[in-house]
């Protein structure tokens, strides 16, 4: 039962999305609606006054792969991603999706919805952050691409003067020598202790050519300055360098950024365990 009157508009194309964004003030975009359901606290279903359903648009439900990148429609379900198989997806993204909820939820939940959830960054956020994902955003009159790090904010992105709709997620195709995804908190549930950690490494002739470390939970970060400390180092890393690096990590991930907590302890432990793979 709804707690108020809600009008649901169904778009059949991207053009219709932009038309409805332009004509309906305060309209909210939805697809699988699993995040809306997860946030319900009362017996009466609480929905926005105007809802735009984009789940049935073919262009937003497809996955396209080229030599340089993979384009995911925002409405691709998590179950559809798993059906593609580990070999056809970035490993950390596949591992993240595999641990989300249960098959029934994954058949409805979408990739776009998972990264757009407000208040707590969910499982696919850290993998896409580490993979340098870019987002295609539609406004009532325009289309633009933006790095994921610029579209989302820990402090709350300023509300634009116009509505927006996430339509595609673009991930570069790259091969990683080490690709780790770890999740904290209770399996299949989202709580204050839930967070995701990603560690990616690329090497060439025993030289570390690229490293990416991402964290996402109540807030998210990638500290490129810390990554740059390690890039270019000869492998294996010495024990002395490891100790020095972990000491520096306390400065880069200071308590103003990351207050003392269970999650901070988890992050530093995961960071050390991952870096020791390079020793």
C-alpha atoms as a PDB file:
ATOM      1  CA  UNK A   1       0.000   0.000   0.000  1.00  0.00           C
ATOM      2  CA  UNK A   2       1.296   3.456  -0.913  1.00  0.00           C
ATOM      3  CA  UNK A   3       1.366   6.231   1.659  1.00  0.00           C
ATOM      4  CA  UNK A   4       0.460   8.812  -0.989  1.00  0.00           C
ATOM      5  CA  UNK A   5      -0.435   9.107  -4.645  1.00  0.00           C
ATOM      6  CA  UNK A   6       2.461   8.269  -6.941  1.00  0.00           C
ATOM      7  CA  UNK A   7       2.477   8.639 -10.713  1.00  0.00           C
ATOM      8  CA  UNK A   8       4.813   6.283 -12.586  1.00  0.00           C
ATOM      9  CA  UNK A   9       5.965   7.250 -16.083  1.00  0.00           C
ATOM     10  CA  UNK A  10       7.492   4.588 -18.316  1.00  0.00           C
ATOM     11  CA  UNK A  11      10.082   5.683 -20.880  1.00  0.00           C
ATOM     12  CA  UNK A  12      10.584   3.560 -23.995  1.00  0.00           C
ATOM     13  CA  UNK A  13      13.671   5.349 -25.300  1.00  0.00           C
ATOM     14  CA  UNK A  14      16.477   7.629 -24.189  1.00  0.00           C
ATOM     15  CA  UNK A  15      14.749  10.493 -25.997  1.00  0.00           C
ATOM     16  CA  UNK A  16      11.644   9.932 -23.882  1.00  0.00           C
ATOM     17  CA  UNK A  17      13.797  10.022 -20.741  1.00  0.00           C
ATOM     18  CA  UNK A  18      15.004  13.497 -21.644  1.00  0.00           C
ATOM     19  CA  UNK A  19      11.485  14.644 -22.525  1.00  0.00           C
ATOM     20  CA  UNK A  20      10.089  13.485 -19.180  1.00  0.00           C
ATOM     21  CA  UNK A  21      13.021  14.970 -17.257  1.00  0.00           C
ATOM     22  CA  UNK A  22      12.301  18.259 -18.978  1.00  0.00           C
ATOM     23  CA  UNK A  23       8.529  18.252 -18.475  1.00  0.00           C
ATOM     24  CA  UNK A  24       7.939  16.662 -15.046  1.00  0.00           C
ATOM     25  CA  UNK A  25       9.308  18.687 -12.148  1.00  0.00           C
ATOM     26  CA  UNK A  26      10.962  16.675  -9.365  1.00  0.00           C
ATOM     27  CA  UNK A  27      10.716  13.323 -11.143  1.00  0.00           C
ATOM     28  CA  UNK A  28      12.830  10.470  -9.691  1.00  0.00           C
ATOM     29  CA  UNK A  29      14.494   7.844 -11.898  1.00  0.00           C
ATOM     30  CA  UNK A  30      14.118   4.138 -11.036  1.00  0.00           C
ATOM     31  CA  UNK A  31      14.769   0.751 -12.644  1.00  0.00           C
ATOM     32  CA  UNK A  32      14.864  -2.430 -10.525  1.00  0.00           C
ATOM     33  CA  UNK A  33      13.680  -0.559  -7.392  1.00  0.00           C
ATOM     34  CA  UNK A  34      15.515  -2.940  -5.036  1.00  0.00           C
ATOM     35  CA  UNK A  35      17.234  -0.020  -3.289  1.00  0.00           C
ATOM     36  CA  UNK A  36      13.874   1.698  -2.800  1.00  0.00           C
ATOM     37  CA  UNK A  37      12.520  -1.520  -1.268  1.00  0.00           C
ATOM     38  CA  UNK A  38      15.587  -1.943   0.969  1.00  0.00           C
ATOM     39  CA  UNK A  39      15.096   1.495   2.474  1.00  0.00           C
ATOM     40  CA  UNK A  40      11.427   1.044   3.382  1.00  0.00           C
ATOM     41  CA  UNK A  41      10.862   1.165   7.139  1.00  0.00           C
ATOM     42  CA  UNK A  42       7.078   1.218   7.499  1.00  0.00           C
ATOM     43  CA  UNK A  43       4.169  -0.929   6.358  1.00  0.00           C
ATOM     44  CA  UNK A  44       3.103   1.716   3.843  1.00  0.00           C
ATOM     45  CA  UNK A  45       5.299   1.943   0.742  1.00  0.00           C
ATOM     46  CA  UNK A  46       6.922   5.371   0.518  1.00  0.00           C
ATOM     47  CA  UNK A  47       7.620   6.551  -3.031  1.00  0.00           C
ATOM     48  CA  UNK A  48       8.295   9.938  -4.641  1.00  0.00           C
ATOM     49  CA  UNK A  49       5.324  11.731  -6.156  1.00  0.00           C
ATOM     50  CA  UNK A  50       6.653  11.242  -9.700  1.00  0.00           C
ATOM     51  CA  UNK A  51       8.708   8.195 -10.713  1.00  0.00           C
ATOM     52  CA  UNK A  52      10.348   7.606 -14.103  1.00  0.00           C
ATOM     53  CA  UNK A  53      10.818   3.905 -14.910  1.00  0.00           C
ATOM     54  CA  UNK A  54      13.688   3.283 -17.365  1.00  0.00           C
ATOM     55  CA  UNK A  55      14.035  -0.483 -16.886  1.00  0.00           C
ATOM     56  CA  UNK A  56      12.544  -1.492 -20.239  1.00  0.00           C
ATOM     57  CA  UNK A  57      14.748   0.575 -22.566  1.00  0.00           C
ATOM     58  CA  UNK A  58      16.807  -1.836 -24.734  1.00  0.00           C
ATOM     59  CA  UNK A  59      19.793   0.534 -25.096  1.00  0.00           C
ATOM     60  CA  UNK A  60      20.133   0.701 -21.314  1.00  0.00           C
ATOM     61  CA  UNK A  61      19.913  -3.079 -20.848  1.00  0.00           C
ATOM     62  CA  UNK A  62      22.796  -4.029 -23.146  1.00  0.00           C
ATOM     63  CA  UNK A  63      26.529  -4.652 -22.752  1.00  0.00           C
ATOM     64  CA  UNK A  64      28.922  -3.701 -25.562  1.00  0.00           C
ATOM     65  CA  UNK A  65      32.592  -4.673 -25.626  1.00  0.00           C
ATOM     66  CA  UNK A  66      35.328  -3.298 -27.874  1.00  0.00           C
ATOM     67  CA  UNK A  67      39.106  -3.669 -27.759  1.00  0.00           C
ATOM     68  CA  UNK A  68      39.406  -0.565 -25.586  1.00  0.00           C
ATOM     69  CA  UNK A  69      36.426  -0.605 -23.234  1.00  0.00           C
ATOM     70  CA  UNK A  70      33.189  -2.223 -22.062  1.00  0.00           C
ATOM     71  CA  UNK A  71      29.968  -0.206 -22.035  1.00  0.00           C
ATOM     72  CA  UNK A  72      27.338  -1.322 -19.518  1.00  0.00           C
ATOM     73  CA  UNK A  73      23.814   0.012 -19.816  1.00  0.00           C
ATOM     74  CA  UNK A  74      22.696   1.395 -16.462  1.00  0.00           C
ATOM     75  CA  UNK A  75      19.729  -1.014 -16.425  1.00  0.00           C
ATOM     76  CA  UNK A  76      21.759  -4.192 -16.960  1.00  0.00           C
ATOM     77  CA  UNK A  77      20.783  -6.490 -14.097  1.00  0.00           C
ATOM     78  CA  UNK A  78      23.387  -7.976 -11.797  1.00  0.00           C
ATOM     79  CA  UNK A  79      22.202 -11.453 -12.807  1.00  0.00           C
ATOM     80  CA  UNK A  80      22.888 -10.608 -16.461  1.00  0.00           C
ATOM     81  CA  UNK A  81      26.436  -9.589 -15.561  1.00  0.00           C
ATOM     82  CA  UNK A  82      27.075 -12.943 -13.897  1.00  0.00           C
ATOM     83  CA  UNK A  83      25.713 -14.729 -16.961  1.00  0.00           C
ATOM     84  CA  UNK A  84      28.474 -13.108 -19.036  1.00  0.00           C
ATOM     85  CA  UNK A  85      31.029 -15.060 -16.997  1.00  0.00           C
ATOM     86  CA  UNK A  86      34.247 -14.143 -15.241  1.00  0.00           C
ATOM     87  CA  UNK A  87      36.277 -14.167 -18.478  1.00  0.00           C
ATOM     88  CA  UNK A  88      34.154 -11.424 -20.018  1.00  0.00           C
ATOM     89  CA  UNK A  89      34.136  -9.022 -17.057  1.00  0.00           C
ATOM     90  CA  UNK A  90      36.809  -7.350 -14.949  1.00  0.00           C
ATOM     91  CA  UNK A  91      37.513  -9.891 -12.193  1.00  0.00           C
ATOM     92  CA  UNK A  92      36.889  -7.500  -9.313  1.00  0.00           C
ATOM     93  CA  UNK A  93      33.513  -6.491 -10.759  1.00  0.00           C
ATOM     94  CA  UNK A  94      32.481 -10.127 -11.218  1.00  0.00           C
ATOM     95  CA  UNK A  95      33.539 -10.972  -7.649  1.00  0.00           C
ATOM     96  CA  UNK A  96      31.643  -7.980  -6.267  1.00  0.00           C
ATOM     97  CA  UNK A  97      28.412  -8.856  -8.078  1.00  0.00           C
ATOM     98  CA  UNK A  98      28.687 -12.525  -7.057  1.00  0.00           C
ATOM     99  CA  UNK A  99      28.390 -11.590  -3.381  1.00  0.00           C
ATOM    100  CA  UNK A 100      25.404  -9.260  -3.676  1.00  0.00           C
ATOM    101  CA  UNK A 101      22.187 -10.375  -1.964  1.00  0.00           C
ATOM    102  CA  UNK A 102      20.621 -13.481  -3.553  1.00  0.00           C
ATOM    103  CA  UNK A 103      19.607 -14.620  -7.068  1.00  0.00           C
ATOM    104  CA  UNK A 104      16.101 -13.168  -6.751  1.00  0.00           C
ATOM    105  CA  UNK A 105      17.409  -9.702  -5.889  1.00  0.00           C
ATOM    106  CA  UNK A 106      20.175  -9.876  -8.517  1.00  0.00           C
ATOM    107  CA  UNK A 107      17.563 -10.606 -11.188  1.00  0.00           C
ATOM    108  CA  UNK A 108      16.006  -7.186 -10.478  1.00  0.00           C
ATOM    109  CA  UNK A 109      18.845  -5.005  -9.191  1.00  0.00           C
ATOM    110  CA  UNK A 110      20.771  -3.033 -11.807  1.00  0.00           C
ATOM    111  CA  UNK A 111      24.375  -1.905 -12.090  1.00  0.00           C
ATOM    112  CA  UNK A 112      23.348   1.742 -12.348  1.00  0.00           C
ATOM    113  CA  UNK A 113      21.179   1.468  -9.266  1.00  0.00           C
ATOM    114  CA  UNK A 114      23.938  -0.223  -7.279  1.00  0.00           C
ATOM    115  CA  UNK A 115      26.438   2.592  -7.784  1.00  0.00           C
ATOM    116  CA  UNK A 116      23.820   5.346  -7.421  1.00  0.00           C
ATOM    117  CA  UNK A 117      22.483   4.258  -4.010  1.00  0.00           C
ATOM    118  CA  UNK A 118      22.562   7.194  -1.606  1.00  0.00           C
ATOM    119  CA  UNK A 119      23.984   7.223   1.899  1.00  0.00           C
ATOM    120  CA  UNK A 120      26.110   4.078   1.579  1.00  0.00           C
ATOM    121  CA  UNK A 121      28.270   3.001  -1.348  1.00  0.00           C
ATOM    122  CA  UNK A 122      27.374  -0.550  -2.345  1.00  0.00           C
ATOM    123  CA  UNK A 123      29.416  -3.481  -3.652  1.00  0.00           C
ATOM    124  CA  UNK A 124      30.204  -2.449  -7.239  1.00  0.00           C
ATOM    125  CA  UNK A 125      31.259   1.095  -6.349  1.00  0.00           C
ATOM    126  CA  UNK A 126      34.851   0.328  -5.288  1.00  0.00           C
ATOM    127  CA  UNK A 127      35.592  -1.924  -8.304  1.00  0.00           C
ATOM    128  CA  UNK A 128      34.338   0.702 -10.756  1.00  0.00           C
ATOM    129  CA  UNK A 129      36.212   3.422  -8.865  1.00  0.00           C
ATOM    130  CA  UNK A 130      39.458   1.443  -9.151  1.00  0.00           C
ATOM    131  CA  UNK A 131      38.822   0.656 -12.820  1.00  0.00           C
ATOM    132  CA  UNK A 132      38.531   4.374 -13.704  1.00  0.00           C
ATOM    133  CA  UNK A 133      34.931   4.058 -14.852  1.00  0.00           C
ATOM    134  CA  UNK A 134      33.277   6.930 -16.715  1.00  0.00           C
ATOM    135  CA  UNK A 135      29.553   7.666 -16.668  1.00  0.00           C
ATOM    136  CA  UNK A 136      27.235   8.830 -19.426  1.00  0.00           C
ATOM    137  CA  UNK A 137      24.737  11.294 -17.970  1.00  0.00           C
ATOM    138  CA  UNK A 138      21.582  12.556 -19.660  1.00  0.00           C
ATOM    139  CA  UNK A 139      20.028  15.884 -18.738  1.00  0.00           C
ATOM    140  CA  UNK A 140      16.795  17.292 -20.188  1.00  0.00           C
ATOM    141  CA  UNK A 141      18.745  18.870 -23.059  1.00  0.00           C
ATOM    142  CA  UNK A 142      22.237  17.403 -23.115  1.00  0.00           C
ATOM    143  CA  UNK A 143      24.480  14.334 -22.801  1.00  0.00           C
ATOM    144  CA  UNK A 144      27.922  14.301 -21.204  1.00  0.00           C
ATOM    145  CA  UNK A 145      30.566  11.858 -19.978  1.00  0.00           C
ATOM    146  CA  UNK A 146      32.172  12.320 -16.580  1.00  0.00           C
ATOM    147  CA  UNK A 147      34.689  10.345 -14.477  1.00  0.00           C
ATOM    148  CA  UNK A 148      32.976   8.516 -11.646  1.00  0.00           C
ATOM    149  CA  UNK A 149      35.149  10.352  -9.114  1.00  0.00           C
ATOM    150  CA  UNK A 150      33.780  13.707 -10.287  1.00  0.00           C
ATOM    151  CA  UNK A 151      30.120  12.719 -10.390  1.00  0.00           C
ATOM    152  CA  UNK A 152      29.925  11.347  -6.834  1.00  0.00           C
ATOM    153  CA  UNK A 153      31.055  13.083  -3.659  1.00  0.00           C
ATOM    154  CA  UNK A 154      31.539  12.145  -0.009  1.00  0.00           C
ATOM    155  CA  UNK A 155      30.133  15.482   1.087  1.00  0.00           C
ATOM    156  CA  UNK A 156      27.051  15.274  -1.088  1.00  0.00           C
ATOM    157  CA  UNK A 157      27.158  16.443  -4.676  1.00  0.00           C
ATOM    158  CA  UNK A 158      25.550  19.830  -5.097  1.00  0.00           C
ATOM    159  CA  UNK A 159      22.137  19.465  -6.619  1.00  0.00           C
ATOM    160  CA  UNK A 160      22.272  20.667 -10.224  1.00  0.00           C
ATOM    161  CA  UNK A 161      19.708  23.094 -11.526  1.00  0.00           C
ATOM    162  CA  UNK A 162      18.312  20.296 -13.705  1.00  0.00           C
ATOM    163  CA  UNK A 163      17.508  16.579 -13.269  1.00  0.00           C
ATOM    164  CA  UNK A 164      19.992  13.940 -14.439  1.00  0.00           C
ATOM    165  CA  UNK A 165      19.850  10.288 -15.454  1.00  0.00           C
ATOM    166  CA  UNK A 166      22.752   7.816 -15.459  1.00  0.00           C
ATOM    167  CA  UNK A 167      22.573   5.868 -18.733  1.00  0.00           C
ATOM    168  CA  UNK A 168      25.882   4.052 -19.279  1.00  0.00           C
ATOM    169  CA  UNK A 169      28.981   2.978 -17.376  1.00  0.00           C
ATOM    170  CA  UNK A 170      32.194   2.701 -19.420  1.00  0.00           C
ATOM    171  CA  UNK A 171      35.120   0.630 -18.124  1.00  0.00           C
ATOM    172  CA  UNK A 172      38.513   0.465 -19.891  1.00  0.00           C
ATOM    173  CA  UNK A 173      39.638  -3.041 -20.906  1.00  0.00           C
ATOM    174  CA  UNK A 174      42.889  -3.777 -19.068  1.00  0.00           C
ATOM    175  CA  UNK A 175      44.760  -6.869 -17.904  1.00  0.00           C
ATOM    176  CA  UNK A 176      45.814  -6.967 -14.250  1.00  0.00           C
ATOM    177  CA  UNK A 177      48.412  -9.258 -12.713  1.00  0.00           C
ATOM    178  CA  UNK A 178      46.719  -9.002  -9.319  1.00  0.00           C
ATOM    179  CA  UNK A 179      43.013  -8.217  -8.949  1.00  0.00           C
ATOM    180  CA  UNK A 180      41.551  -8.524  -5.452  1.00  0.00           C
ATOM    181  CA  UNK A 181      38.080  -7.688  -4.174  1.00  0.00           C
ATOM    182  CA  UNK A 182      37.213  -7.956  -0.493  1.00  0.00           C
ATOM    183  CA  UNK A 183      34.059  -7.049   1.420  1.00  0.00           C
ATOM    184  CA  UNK A 184      33.684  -6.303   5.124  1.00  0.00           C
ATOM    185  CA  UNK A 185      30.572  -6.743   7.237  1.00  0.00           C
ATOM    186  CA  UNK A 186      27.862  -9.396   7.222  1.00  0.00           C
ATOM    187  CA  UNK A 187      27.419 -11.353   3.961  1.00  0.00           C
ATOM    188  CA  UNK A 188      24.492 -10.266   1.759  1.00  0.00           C
ATOM    189  CA  UNK A 189      23.475  -7.477   4.169  1.00  0.00           C
ATOM    190  CA  UNK A 190      24.222  -3.748   4.213  1.00  0.00           C
ATOM    191  CA  UNK A 191      25.114  -2.242   7.592  1.00  0.00           C
ATOM    192  CA  UNK A 192      27.448   0.409   9.014  1.00  0.00           C
ATOM    193  CA  UNK A 193      30.352  -2.071   8.847  1.00  0.00           C
ATOM    194  CA  UNK A 194      29.739  -2.954   5.196  1.00  0.00           C
ATOM    195  CA  UNK A 195      32.456  -1.766   2.820  1.00  0.00           C
ATOM    196  CA  UNK A 196      34.359  -2.909  -0.267  1.00  0.00           C
ATOM    197  CA  UNK A 197      38.118  -2.943  -0.873  1.00  0.00           C
ATOM    198  CA  UNK A 198      39.815  -3.327  -4.263  1.00  0.00           C
ATOM    199  CA  UNK A 199      43.507  -3.842  -5.006  1.00  0.00           C
ATOM    200  CA  UNK A 200      44.795  -3.901  -8.600  1.00  0.00           C
ATOM    201  CA  UNK A 201      48.387  -4.368  -9.740  1.00  0.00           C
ATOM    202  CA  UNK A 202      50.048  -4.353 -13.145  1.00  0.00           C
ATOM    203  CA  UNK A 203      53.720  -5.330 -13.581  1.00  0.00           C
ATOM    204  CA  UNK A 204      56.256  -5.533 -16.384  1.00  0.00           C
ATOM    205  CA  UNK A 205      59.684  -7.147 -16.091  1.00  0.00           C
ATOM    206  CA  UNK A 206      59.506  -7.107 -12.277  1.00  0.00           C
ATOM    207  CA  UNK A 207      58.635  -3.413 -12.188  1.00  0.00           C
ATOM    208  CA  UNK A 208      55.324  -2.251 -10.753  1.00  0.00           C
ATOM    209  CA  UNK A 209      53.801  -0.184 -13.564  1.00  0.00           C
ATOM    210  CA  UNK A 210      50.366   0.514 -12.074  1.00  0.00           C
ATOM    211  CA  UNK A 211      48.593   0.043  -8.761  1.00  0.00           C
ATOM    212  CA  UNK A 212      45.102   1.060  -7.686  1.00  0.00           C
ATOM    213  CA  UNK A 213      43.581   0.909  -4.220  1.00  0.00           C
ATOM    214  CA  UNK A 214      39.920   1.763  -3.664  1.00  0.00           C
ATOM    215  CA  UNK A 215      37.573   1.711  -0.685  1.00  0.00           C
ATOM    216  CA  UNK A 216      33.829   2.348  -0.567  1.00  0.00           C
ATOM    217  CA  UNK A 217      31.316   2.135   2.255  1.00  0.00           C
ATOM    218  CA  UNK A 218      29.909   5.035   4.284  1.00  0.00           C
ATOM    219  CA  UNK A 219      32.348   7.063   2.186  1.00  0.00           C
ATOM    220  CA  UNK A 220      34.781   6.269  -0.619  1.00  0.00           C
ATOM    221  CA  UNK A 221      38.319   7.131  -1.661  1.00  0.00           C
ATOM    222  CA  UNK A 222      41.247   6.447  -3.945  1.00  0.00           C
ATOM    223  CA  UNK A 223      44.467   8.121  -2.856  1.00  0.00           C
ATOM    224  CA  UNK A 224      46.427   8.510  -6.076  1.00  0.00           C
ATOM    225  CA  UNK A 225      49.283  10.172  -4.203  1.00  0.00           C
ATOM    226  CA  UNK A 226      49.747   6.980  -2.184  1.00  0.00           C
ATOM    227  CA  UNK A 227      49.550   4.843  -5.327  1.00  0.00           C
ATOM    228  CA  UNK A 228      52.217   7.007  -6.966  1.00  0.00           C
ATOM    229  CA  UNK A 229      54.596   6.264  -4.082  1.00  0.00           C
ATOM    230  CA  UNK A 230      54.679   2.617  -5.161  1.00  0.00           C
ATOM    231  CA  UNK A 231      54.476   2.844  -8.966  1.00  0.00           C
ATOM    232  CA  UNK A 232      57.881   2.267 -10.545  1.00  0.00           C
ATOM    233  CA  UNK A 233      59.251   0.187  -7.675  1.00  0.00           C
ATOM    234  CA  UNK A 234      61.200  -2.975  -8.462  1.00  0.00           C
ATOM    235  CA  UNK A 235      59.613  -6.187  -7.212  1.00  0.00           C
ATOM    236  CA  UNK A 236      59.705  -7.882  -4.819  1.00  0.00           C
ATOM    237  CA  UNK A 237      59.322  -5.129  -2.240  1.00  0.00           C
ATOM    238  CA  UNK A 238      61.711  -5.375   0.694  1.00  0.00           C
ATOM    239  CA  UNK A 239      60.516  -5.815   4.274  1.00  0.00           C
ATOM    240  CA  UNK A 240      62.106  -2.483   5.184  1.00  0.00           C
ATOM    241  CA  UNK A 241      60.171  -0.739   2.417  1.00  0.00           C
ATOM    242  CA  UNK A 242      56.946  -2.458   3.515  1.00  0.00           C
ATOM    243  CA  UNK A 243      57.317  -1.181   7.076  1.00  0.00           C
ATOM    244  CA  UNK A 244      58.033   2.324   5.778  1.00  0.00           C
ATOM    245  CA  UNK A 245      55.064   2.159   3.420  1.00  0.00           C
ATOM    246  CA  UNK A 246      52.633   1.123   6.142  1.00  0.00           C
ATOM    247  CA  UNK A 247      53.918   3.955   8.342  1.00  0.00           C
ATOM    248  CA  UNK A 248      53.207   6.378   5.499  1.00  0.00           C
ATOM    249  CA  UNK A 249      49.751   4.895   5.017  1.00  0.00           C
ATOM    250  CA  UNK A 250      48.826   6.175   8.485  1.00  0.00           C
ATOM    251  CA  UNK A 251      49.534   9.687   7.180  1.00  0.00           C
ATOM    252  CA  UNK A 252      47.800   9.338   3.818  1.00  0.00           C
ATOM    253  CA  UNK A 253      44.728   7.739   5.379  1.00  0.00           C
ATOM    254  CA  UNK A 254      44.680   9.951   8.452  1.00  0.00           C
ATOM    255  CA  UNK A 255      41.896   9.997  10.997  1.00  0.00           C
ATOM    256  CA  UNK A 256      40.354  13.168   9.600  1.00  0.00           C
ATOM    257  CA  UNK A 257      39.708  11.274   6.367  1.00  0.00           C
ATOM    258  CA  UNK A 258      39.110   7.924   7.990  1.00  0.00           C
ATOM    259  CA  UNK A 259      38.213   8.065  11.736  1.00  0.00           C
ATOM    260  CA  UNK A 260      39.314   5.301  14.102  1.00  0.00           C
ATOM    261  CA  UNK A 261      36.813   2.505  13.667  1.00  0.00           C
ATOM    262  CA  UNK A 262      36.285  -1.143  12.813  1.00  0.00           C
ATOM    263  CA  UNK A 263      36.351  -0.216   9.117  1.00  0.00           C
ATOM    264  CA  UNK A 264      39.611   1.708   9.439  1.00  0.00           C
ATOM    265  CA  UNK A 265      41.230  -1.327  11.062  1.00  0.00           C
ATOM    266  CA  UNK A 266      39.823  -3.544   8.301  1.00  0.00           C
ATOM    267  CA  UNK A 267      41.160  -1.235   5.608  1.00  0.00           C
ATOM    268  CA  UNK A 268      44.690  -1.074   7.022  1.00  0.00           C
ATOM    269  CA  UNK A 269      44.773  -4.856   7.495  1.00  0.00           C
ATOM    270  CA  UNK A 270      43.531  -5.453   3.947  1.00  0.00           C
ATOM    271  CA  UNK A 271      46.025  -2.923   2.616  1.00  0.00           C
ATOM    272  CA  UNK A 272      48.964  -4.604   4.358  1.00  0.00           C
ATOM    273  CA  UNK A 273      47.860  -8.111   3.339  1.00  0.00           C
ATOM    274  CA  UNK A 274      47.529  -6.986  -0.276  1.00  0.00           C
ATOM    275  CA  UNK A 275      50.850  -5.144  -0.388  1.00  0.00           C
ATOM    276  CA  UNK A 276      52.598  -8.203   1.033  1.00  0.00           C
ATOM    277  CA  UNK A 277      51.669 -10.034  -2.156  1.00  0.00           C
ATOM    278  CA  UNK A 278      54.346  -7.840  -3.742  1.00  0.00           C
ATOM    279  CA  UNK A 279      57.129  -8.916  -1.362  1.00  0.00           C
END
